């Protein structure tokens, strides 16, 4: 495919046999109109900020996941949450009380409406603005932080449109401030162990991967209180695509050296019809509008991705049907294959006997990743089995020591770009859609992941 890919191609594809399909209007607005061939180089690759003894954090969005991060940050040396922002004063009060229990000064509170984070970024002396707000606010919060000379970190997904992806890249480069998507699954113990085994050559050349976010969210989406303003349900109303790809794509990209010698080339996406949310609403919320609401999001989305070097990835999104949680993480190389949670099996050519699987626990002691081995005593009680703490710990340590963070702005946006691109593909009858090259060719240069260097372990 042509490397001179134009954002206008998203608009063209969206009109092909698709304007009458679910989500076509959303896709047109997602496409953006500027060319991808932005002048200059990807200057944030390898960029290191000046070391600082204390990282002062302003936190935006204090829901369930936001509070989990604050609980981590107050336990990390050299980090202080000095400002908190949420539209609900009761949530800023909870956060302030927790911070006070660790003998920190009371944080400055910003609870003056949806965009009070802008005032916080202008008024506060901060090193990092971290946000766990609803998805639509992730890009605006990151932009406000960087434009005020502050590093930005966001919960997934960091952007919902290709245009916003480019805004984040260009603003990060212009301000020389890091813009980082906090993908906790990159730090899952099994995924990091397999990454370590790949680096040691046990899997040979990685050729194929499978991953996804497979999580029954029907009760949470339809709950009037769990997601503020039911924002996650409303995403299911308006957009049909792979809405939450990064839990799988993040660790898979690390295993496949994406943006570090290879790149995501193009994708094809398709979804089933949508029945799950309506059926659940009829059984549990029969007197609400959701029983007959037309949902754009298909119950199961399957997105196929090919890399520049001919590797393939299957990434699925499945949140509207009954099923136990899994990420179905699989890595297949020329010398072995691993299947992750919940089955956790491994087969290595010449090591595993016959056509069988070995239990993955048999390999943990020998091949456990050094990052996990060093931080294991610190993660007890942290969210999602400890990987939430590791991602926060490594980010703060990187900023304190002037190191390159594990995930940069180019990783953040290309993983998130799957959302609008998958929707674009579906609206155009599963047409192949090419990834923009946010690195402007810099992906071709082989470079290590920071977790491979262990200097910030």
Protein backbone atom coordinates (compact mmCIF):
# COMPACT_ATOMS: atom_id res chain seq x y z
CA UNK A 1 0.00 0.00 0.00
CA UNK A 2 1.09 3.56 -0.62
CA UNK A 3 3.05 5.22 2.17
CA UNK A 4 1.57 8.56 1.13
CA UNK A 5 -1.70 7.75 2.82
CA UNK A 6 -4.01 10.71 3.13
CA UNK A 7 -6.60 11.30 5.85
CA UNK A 8 -9.04 12.11 3.08
CA UNK A 9 -8.94 8.40 2.20
CA UNK A 10 -10.82 7.74 5.42
CA UNK A 11 -13.62 9.97 4.18
CA UNK A 12 -13.65 8.38 0.75
CA UNK A 13 -13.77 4.87 2.18
CA UNK A 14 -16.59 5.86 4.50
CA UNK A 15 -18.83 6.76 1.57
CA UNK A 16 -18.31 3.51 -0.30
CA UNK A 17 -21.46 1.43 0.09
CA UNK A 18 -21.58 2.56 3.65
CA UNK A 19 -23.35 5.80 4.42
CA UNK A 20 -26.47 3.85 5.26
CA UNK A 21 -24.61 1.47 7.58
CA UNK A 22 -24.48 1.87 11.36
CA UNK A 23 -21.78 4.27 12.42
CA UNK A 24 -21.13 5.85 9.02
CA UNK A 25 -21.76 9.35 10.32
CA UNK A 26 -19.43 8.82 13.23
CA UNK A 27 -16.74 7.56 10.86
CA UNK A 28 -16.88 10.60 8.63
CA UNK A 29 -16.31 12.84 11.62
CA UNK A 30 -13.54 10.55 12.87
CA UNK A 31 -11.55 10.74 9.68
CA UNK A 32 -10.09 14.22 9.85
CA UNK A 33 -9.04 16.21 6.80
CA UNK A 34 -5.33 17.00 7.09
CA UNK A 35 -2.69 14.93 5.36
CA UNK A 36 -0.61 12.54 7.42
CA UNK A 37 2.64 13.69 5.84
CA UNK A 38 3.50 16.09 8.65
CA UNK A 39 6.90 17.69 8.13
CA UNK A 40 9.74 16.95 10.50
CA UNK A 41 10.90 13.86 12.32
CA UNK A 42 9.47 11.84 15.17
CA UNK A 43 11.44 13.77 17.77
CA UNK A 44 9.83 12.12 20.81
CA UNK A 45 11.43 8.78 19.97
CA UNK A 46 14.22 8.47 22.50
CA UNK A 47 13.36 11.83 24.07
CA UNK A 48 14.38 12.16 27.70
CA UNK A 49 13.17 14.98 29.93
CA UNK A 50 15.30 16.49 32.66
CA UNK A 51 15.43 14.46 35.90
CA UNK A 52 13.45 15.73 38.88
CA UNK A 53 13.49 14.61 42.50
CA UNK A 54 9.75 15.15 42.96
CA UNK A 55 7.04 14.57 40.36
CA UNK A 56 3.99 16.69 41.14
CA UNK A 57 0.81 15.19 39.71
CA UNK A 58 -2.58 16.65 38.89
CA UNK A 59 -5.17 13.88 38.61
CA UNK A 60 -8.35 14.19 36.52
CA UNK A 61 -11.25 11.74 36.74
CA UNK A 62 -11.59 10.03 40.10
CA UNK A 63 -13.85 7.10 39.39
CA UNK A 64 -13.08 3.47 40.14
CA UNK A 65 -9.89 3.26 38.04
CA UNK A 66 -8.82 6.80 38.84
CA UNK A 67 -8.97 6.13 42.56
CA UNK A 68 -6.97 2.95 42.03
CA UNK A 69 -4.20 4.98 40.42
CA UNK A 70 -4.18 7.54 43.23
CA UNK A 71 -3.80 4.69 45.73
CA UNK A 72 -0.70 3.64 43.79
CA UNK A 73 0.78 7.10 43.37
CA UNK A 74 0.73 7.93 47.10
CA UNK A 75 2.90 4.84 47.69
CA UNK A 76 5.59 5.70 45.13
CA UNK A 77 8.68 7.55 46.33
CA UNK A 78 9.23 10.93 44.73
CA UNK A 79 5.60 11.41 43.73
CA UNK A 80 2.99 13.77 45.16
CA UNK A 81 -0.58 14.32 43.98
CA UNK A 82 -0.93 18.09 44.44
CA UNK A 83 -4.20 18.68 42.56
CA UNK A 84 -7.35 16.63 41.93
CA UNK A 85 -10.12 17.32 39.44
CA UNK A 86 -13.55 15.77 38.98
CA UNK A 87 -17.04 17.06 38.20
CA UNK A 88 -18.26 15.37 41.41
CA UNK A 89 -17.07 17.13 44.58
CA UNK A 90 -17.66 13.98 46.62
CA UNK A 91 -15.02 12.20 44.55
CA UNK A 92 -12.40 14.92 45.02
CA UNK A 93 -13.14 14.73 48.76
CA UNK A 94 -12.50 10.98 48.82
CA UNK A 95 -9.22 11.47 46.97
CA UNK A 96 -8.15 14.34 49.23
CA UNK A 97 -8.86 12.29 52.36
CA UNK A 98 -6.75 9.41 51.06
CA UNK A 99 -3.85 11.68 50.15
CA UNK A 100 -4.01 13.21 53.64
CA UNK A 101 -3.69 9.78 55.24
CA UNK A 102 -0.20 9.54 53.73
CA UNK A 103 0.82 12.83 55.39
CA UNK A 104 0.85 14.80 52.15
CA UNK A 105 -0.48 18.38 52.08
CA UNK A 106 -4.11 18.64 50.98
CA UNK A 107 -4.32 18.79 47.17
CA UNK A 108 -5.86 21.74 45.39
CA UNK A 109 -9.37 20.80 44.33
CA UNK A 110 -10.89 21.53 40.91
CA UNK A 111 -14.58 20.62 40.65
CA UNK A 112 -15.99 23.49 38.65
CA UNK A 113 -17.43 21.63 35.69
CA UNK A 114 -16.46 19.50 32.71
CA UNK A 115 -13.51 21.63 31.63
CA UNK A 116 -12.09 22.72 34.97
CA UNK A 117 -9.01 20.64 34.12
CA UNK A 118 -8.01 23.50 31.81
CA UNK A 119 -7.87 25.87 34.77
CA UNK A 120 -5.90 23.31 36.76
CA UNK A 121 -3.31 23.01 33.99
CA UNK A 122 -2.94 26.80 33.80
CA UNK A 123 -2.80 27.50 37.52
CA UNK A 124 -0.90 24.59 39.05
CA UNK A 125 2.85 23.94 39.06
CA UNK A 126 2.68 20.36 37.82
CA UNK A 127 5.04 17.89 36.21
CA UNK A 128 2.40 15.40 35.12
CA UNK A 129 -1.34 15.45 34.45
CA UNK A 130 -2.77 11.96 34.71
CA UNK A 131 -6.36 11.29 33.67
CA UNK A 132 -8.87 8.47 34.03
CA UNK A 133 -11.87 10.46 32.80
CA UNK A 134 -14.44 9.11 30.30
CA UNK A 135 -12.94 8.38 26.87
CA UNK A 136 -14.11 11.53 25.12
CA UNK A 137 -12.05 13.66 27.50
CA UNK A 138 -8.73 11.82 27.19
CA UNK A 139 -7.40 13.80 24.23
CA UNK A 140 -8.58 17.27 25.43
CA UNK A 141 -7.01 16.71 28.86
CA UNK A 142 -3.71 15.57 27.37
CA UNK A 143 -3.63 18.54 25.00
CA UNK A 144 -4.36 21.00 27.82
CA UNK A 145 -1.53 19.54 29.88
CA UNK A 146 1.10 19.65 27.14
CA UNK A 147 0.14 23.14 26.00
CA UNK A 148 0.84 24.29 29.56
CA UNK A 149 4.25 22.62 29.68
CA UNK A 150 3.18 19.47 31.54
CA UNK A 151 3.69 15.81 30.66
CA UNK A 152 0.44 13.92 30.00
CA UNK A 153 -0.63 10.40 30.87
CA UNK A 154 -4.02 8.91 30.09
CA UNK A 155 -5.99 5.78 30.74
CA UNK A 156 -6.89 3.86 27.59
CA UNK A 157 -7.89 4.75 24.94
CA UNK A 158 -5.93 7.98 24.45
CA UNK A 159 -7.85 9.06 21.30
CA UNK A 160 -11.00 8.13 19.41
CA UNK A 161 -10.26 9.72 16.02
CA UNK A 162 -7.31 9.83 13.65
CA UNK A 163 -7.40 13.61 13.80
CA UNK A 164 -6.99 13.54 17.57
CA UNK A 165 -4.14 11.05 17.23
CA UNK A 166 -2.29 13.54 15.05
CA UNK A 167 -3.05 16.41 17.43
CA UNK A 168 -1.44 14.47 20.27
CA UNK A 169 1.64 13.62 18.20
CA UNK A 170 2.14 17.15 16.93
CA UNK A 171 1.54 18.78 20.30
CA UNK A 172 3.92 16.39 22.06
CA UNK A 173 6.62 17.12 19.50
CA UNK A 174 6.05 20.88 19.59
CA UNK A 175 6.07 21.16 23.38
CA UNK A 176 8.63 18.38 23.98
CA UNK A 177 6.37 16.86 26.59
CA UNK A 178 5.69 13.16 26.90
CA UNK A 179 2.18 11.94 26.07
CA UNK A 180 1.67 8.42 27.35
CA UNK A 181 -1.21 5.97 27.27
CA UNK A 182 -1.16 3.87 30.43
CA UNK A 183 -1.75 0.35 29.11
CA UNK A 184 -1.62 -1.84 32.20
CA UNK A 185 -1.82 -5.16 30.33
CA UNK A 186 1.65 -4.53 28.93
CA UNK A 187 2.82 -5.26 32.48
CA UNK A 188 0.83 -8.45 33.07
CA UNK A 189 3.13 -11.11 34.53
CA UNK A 190 2.58 -13.74 31.81
CA UNK A 191 2.83 -11.26 28.94
CA UNK A 192 6.12 -9.87 30.29
CA UNK A 193 7.48 -13.36 30.87
CA UNK A 194 6.75 -14.32 27.26
CA UNK A 195 8.33 -11.06 26.08
CA UNK A 196 11.46 -12.04 28.02
CA UNK A 197 11.41 -15.50 26.40
CA UNK A 198 11.03 -13.92 22.95
CA UNK A 199 14.08 -11.75 23.60
CA UNK A 200 16.03 -14.88 24.56
CA UNK A 201 15.09 -16.50 21.24
CA UNK A 202 12.88 -19.29 22.59
CA UNK A 203 10.00 -18.49 20.23
CA UNK A 204 12.14 -17.89 17.15
CA UNK A 205 10.61 -15.30 14.85
CA UNK A 206 7.17 -14.20 16.07
CA UNK A 207 4.76 -14.59 13.14
CA UNK A 208 1.21 -14.38 14.49
CA UNK A 209 -0.71 -13.15 17.48
CA UNK A 210 -4.25 -13.24 18.84
CA UNK A 211 -5.64 -10.99 21.52
CA UNK A 212 -8.68 -9.05 22.58
CA UNK A 213 -10.93 -7.66 25.25
CA UNK A 214 -13.57 -10.27 26.04
CA UNK A 215 -15.48 -9.11 29.07
CA UNK A 216 -19.21 -9.25 29.84
CA UNK A 217 -19.99 -5.58 30.55
CA UNK A 218 -23.77 -5.72 30.11
CA UNK A 219 -24.58 -5.06 33.77
CA UNK A 220 -22.01 -2.27 34.05
CA UNK A 221 -22.99 -0.55 30.79
CA UNK A 222 -26.68 -0.56 31.70
CA UNK A 223 -26.14 0.42 35.33
CA UNK A 224 -27.32 4.02 35.85
CA UNK A 225 -24.48 4.67 38.33
CA UNK A 226 -21.36 2.65 37.46
CA UNK A 227 -20.13 4.72 34.48
CA UNK A 228 -20.73 8.43 35.10
CA UNK A 229 -23.55 9.52 32.80
CA UNK A 230 -23.58 5.98 31.31
CA UNK A 231 -20.83 7.16 28.97
CA UNK A 232 -19.70 3.67 28.01
CA UNK A 233 -23.20 2.64 26.98
CA UNK A 234 -23.49 5.71 24.78
CA UNK A 235 -20.32 4.66 22.94
CA UNK A 236 -22.12 1.42 22.09
CA UNK A 237 -25.04 3.44 20.73
CA UNK A 238 -23.05 5.45 18.23
CA UNK A 239 -20.00 3.47 17.06
CA UNK A 240 -19.55 0.02 15.56
CA UNK A 241 -15.96 -1.19 15.70
CA UNK A 242 -13.25 -2.49 17.98
CA UNK A 243 -13.83 0.00 20.79
CA UNK A 244 -11.22 -1.26 23.26
CA UNK A 245 -8.23 -2.81 21.44
CA UNK A 246 -5.24 -1.74 23.49
CA UNK A 247 -5.32 -4.35 26.28
CA UNK A 248 -4.40 -6.88 23.61
CA UNK A 249 -2.56 -4.78 21.05
CA UNK A 250 -0.25 -3.13 23.61
CA UNK A 251 1.57 -6.27 24.77
CA UNK A 252 1.30 -7.78 21.28
CA UNK A 253 3.01 -4.72 19.78
CA UNK A 254 5.84 -5.16 22.28
CA UNK A 255 6.23 -8.81 21.26
CA UNK A 256 6.30 -7.88 17.56
CA UNK A 257 8.60 -4.82 17.79
CA UNK A 258 5.92 -2.48 16.44
CA UNK A 259 7.40 1.02 15.92
CA UNK A 260 10.81 -0.57 16.63
CA UNK A 261 11.62 -2.34 13.38
CA UNK A 262 8.10 -3.17 12.19
CA UNK A 263 4.80 -1.29 11.94
CA UNK A 264 1.08 -1.97 11.70
CA UNK A 265 0.29 -1.80 7.98
CA UNK A 266 -3.48 -2.24 7.46
CA UNK A 267 -6.57 -3.79 9.02
CA UNK A 268 -9.87 -5.36 8.05
CA UNK A 269 -12.75 -5.40 10.52
CA UNK A 270 -16.24 -6.87 10.82
CA UNK A 271 -18.87 -7.15 13.52
CA UNK A 272 -21.89 -9.33 14.25
CA UNK A 273 -25.36 -7.88 14.64
CA UNK A 274 -26.27 -6.28 17.97
CA UNK A 275 -28.65 -8.21 20.23
CA UNK A 276 -26.97 -8.60 23.62
CA UNK A 277 -27.68 -5.24 25.25
CA UNK A 278 -31.34 -5.21 24.20
CA UNK A 279 -31.92 -8.70 25.56
CA UNK A 280 -30.20 -7.88 28.84
CA UNK A 281 -32.20 -4.66 29.19
CA UNK A 282 -35.50 -6.48 28.59
CA UNK A 283 -34.65 -8.94 31.36
CA UNK A 284 -33.19 -6.51 33.89
CA UNK A 285 -34.31 -2.97 32.96
CA UNK A 286 -37.68 -3.56 31.24
CA UNK A 287 -39.03 -0.06 31.81
CA UNK A 288 -36.13 1.80 30.18
CA UNK A 289 -35.44 3.04 26.67
CA UNK A 290 -32.63 0.50 26.29
CA UNK A 291 -34.96 -2.42 25.61
CA UNK A 292 -35.59 -1.22 22.05
CA UNK A 293 -32.65 1.14 21.57
CA UNK A 294 -30.72 0.65 18.33
CA UNK A 295 -27.11 -0.06 19.25
CA UNK A 296 -24.45 0.45 16.60
CA UNK A 297 -21.86 -1.74 18.28
CA UNK A 298 -22.03 -5.34 17.13
CA UNK A 299 -21.90 -7.91 19.90
CA UNK A 300 -18.60 -9.38 18.69
CA UNK A 301 -16.03 -7.52 16.62
CA UNK A 302 -13.13 -9.23 14.88
CA UNK A 303 -10.31 -7.10 13.50
CA UNK A 304 -7.49 -8.58 11.40
CA UNK A 305 -4.18 -6.69 11.21
CA UNK A 306 -1.12 -7.23 9.04
CA UNK A 307 2.26 -5.67 9.77
CA UNK A 308 4.74 -4.23 7.29
CA UNK A 309 6.91 -7.34 7.71
CA UNK A 310 4.09 -9.79 7.09
CA UNK A 311 3.04 -10.74 10.61
CA UNK A 312 -0.65 -11.09 11.44
CA UNK A 313 -2.82 -10.25 14.46
CA UNK A 314 -6.41 -11.13 15.32
CA UNK A 315 -7.89 -8.65 17.79
CA UNK A 316 -11.43 -9.13 19.13
CA UNK A 317 -13.86 -7.03 21.13
CA UNK A 318 -16.71 -8.84 22.90
CA UNK A 319 -18.52 -7.01 25.74
CA UNK A 320 -22.25 -7.44 25.10
CA UNK A 321 -22.74 -11.19 25.53
CA UNK A 322 -22.48 -13.57 28.51
CA UNK A 323 -18.93 -14.90 28.89
CA UNK A 324 -16.17 -15.21 31.50
CA UNK A 325 -13.44 -12.59 31.24
CA UNK A 326 -10.40 -13.32 29.09
CA UNK A 327 -7.92 -11.57 26.82
CA UNK A 328 -7.24 -14.68 24.69
CA UNK A 329 -3.60 -13.63 24.35
CA UNK A 330 -1.64 -15.89 21.99
CA UNK A 331 1.84 -15.53 20.52
CA UNK A 332 3.02 -17.92 17.82
CA UNK A 333 6.59 -18.04 16.54
CA UNK A 334 8.74 -20.30 14.39
CA UNK A 335 9.91 -22.20 17.49
CA UNK A 336 6.96 -22.10 19.85
CA UNK A 337 3.53 -20.90 20.88
CA UNK A 338 2.05 -19.48 24.08
CA UNK A 339 -1.56 -19.03 25.07
CA UNK A 340 -2.29 -16.66 27.94
CA UNK A 341 -5.07 -16.03 30.43
CA UNK A 342 -7.19 -17.91 31.23
CA UNK A 343 -5.61 -21.11 29.83
CA UNK A 344 -1.92 -20.18 30.39
CA UNK A 345 -0.21 -22.86 28.28
CA UNK A 346 3.03 -23.04 26.31
CA UNK A 347 4.63 -25.29 23.70
CA UNK A 348 8.29 -25.00 22.65
CA UNK A 349 9.70 -26.94 19.71
CA UNK A 350 12.23 -29.50 20.94
CA UNK A 351 11.41 -28.79 24.58
CA UNK A 352 7.77 -29.77 25.05
CA UNK A 353 7.21 -33.50 24.66
CA UNK A 354 4.99 -34.46 21.73
CA UNK A 355 2.03 -32.46 20.54
CA UNK A 356 1.09 -31.28 24.00
CA UNK A 357 1.04 -28.14 26.08
CA UNK A 358 3.24 -27.39 29.08
CA UNK A 359 1.89 -25.48 32.06
CA UNK A 360 3.23 -21.95 31.93
CA UNK A 361 4.02 -21.95 35.64
CA UNK A 362 6.86 -24.37 34.92
CA UNK A 363 8.72 -21.54 33.20
CA UNK A 364 8.11 -18.68 35.60
CA UNK A 365 11.09 -19.14 37.88
CA UNK A 366 13.58 -19.31 35.01
CA UNK A 367 12.05 -16.77 32.65
CA UNK A 368 10.11 -14.38 34.87
CA UNK A 369 10.68 -10.83 33.65
CA UNK A 370 13.16 -8.79 35.74
CA UNK A 371 10.64 -5.94 36.04
CA UNK A 372 8.23 -8.24 37.84
CA UNK A 373 10.94 -9.89 39.92
CA UNK A 374 12.11 -6.53 41.23
CA UNK A 375 8.68 -5.04 41.96
CA UNK A 376 6.84 -8.13 43.20
CA UNK A 377 7.06 -7.08 46.85
CA UNK A 378 5.54 -3.66 46.01
CA UNK A 379 2.45 -4.73 44.07
CA UNK A 380 0.50 -6.49 46.81
CA UNK A 381 -3.09 -5.26 46.90
CA UNK A 382 -2.77 -3.20 43.71
CA UNK A 383 -5.38 -3.34 40.95
CA UNK A 384 -5.55 -6.01 38.25
CA UNK A 385 -3.13 -8.36 39.95
CA UNK A 386 -0.45 -5.74 40.45
CA UNK A 387 0.12 -4.61 36.89
CA UNK A 388 -1.57 -1.25 37.58
CA UNK A 389 1.04 -0.47 40.22
CA UNK A 390 3.95 -1.45 37.95
CA UNK A 391 2.79 0.86 35.15
CA UNK A 392 2.47 3.80 37.59
CA UNK A 393 5.75 2.97 39.31
CA UNK A 394 7.72 2.79 36.07
CA UNK A 395 6.26 6.03 34.71
CA UNK A 396 7.13 8.01 37.84
CA UNK A 397 10.62 6.49 37.96
CA UNK A 398 11.20 7.35 34.30
CA UNK A 399 10.20 10.99 34.84
CA UNK A 400 12.23 11.25 38.06
CA UNK A 401 15.37 9.81 36.46
CA UNK A 402 15.08 11.45 33.06
CA UNK A 403 14.56 8.14 31.25
CA UNK A 404 12.52 7.43 28.15
CA UNK A 405 9.10 6.05 29.21
CA UNK A 406 8.09 2.54 28.24
CA UNK A 407 5.22 3.73 26.01
CA UNK A 408 5.65 6.86 23.90
CA UNK A 409 3.18 9.03 22.04
CA UNK A 410 3.63 7.07 18.78
CA UNK A 411 2.77 3.78 20.49
CA UNK A 412 -0.19 5.42 22.22
CA UNK A 413 -1.82 6.72 19.07
CA UNK A 414 -1.24 3.78 16.74
CA UNK A 415 -2.77 1.37 19.26
CA UNK A 416 -5.76 3.69 19.70
CA UNK A 417 -6.13 4.30 15.96
CA UNK A 418 -7.64 0.82 15.66
CA UNK A 419 -10.91 2.25 17.02
CA UNK A 420 -11.76 4.67 14.19
CA UNK A 421 -10.05 2.51 11.57
CA UNK A 422 -12.06 -0.60 12.49
CA UNK A 423 -15.25 1.43 12.37
CA UNK A 424 -14.21 2.83 9.00
CA UNK A 425 -13.59 -0.65 7.65
CA UNK A 426 -16.96 -1.95 8.82
CA UNK A 427 -18.83 1.02 7.37
CA UNK A 428 -17.14 0.38 4.02
CA UNK A 429 -18.03 -3.31 3.89
CA UNK A 430 -14.85 -4.55 5.62
CA UNK A 431 -12.57 -2.63 3.28
CA UNK A 432 -8.83 -2.75 4.17
CA UNK A 433 -7.79 0.47 5.88
CA UNK A 434 -4.15 1.51 6.04
CA UNK A 435 -2.56 2.77 9.26
CA UNK A 436 -1.16 6.30 9.20
CA UNK A 437 2.59 6.38 9.81
CA UNK A 438 2.73 8.53 12.93
CA UNK A 439 6.52 7.99 13.14
CA UNK A 440 7.08 9.26 9.56
CA UNK A 441 9.35 6.34 8.73
CA UNK A 442 11.18 6.13 12.05
CA UNK A 443 9.56 2.73 12.76
CA UNK A 444 12.11 1.15 10.40
CA UNK A 445 14.95 1.63 12.86
CA UNK A 446 15.35 -1.23 15.31
CA UNK A 447 15.44 0.01 18.92
CA UNK A 448 14.91 -1.64 22.28
CA UNK A 449 11.90 -1.39 24.51
CA UNK A 450 12.70 0.33 27.78
CA UNK A 451 11.53 -2.74 29.70
CA UNK A 452 14.18 -4.72 27.82
CA UNK A 453 16.93 -2.48 29.19
CA UNK A 454 15.93 -3.08 32.81
CA UNK A 455 17.55 0.21 33.83
CA UNK A 456 14.24 1.42 35.22
CA UNK A 457 13.18 -1.89 36.75
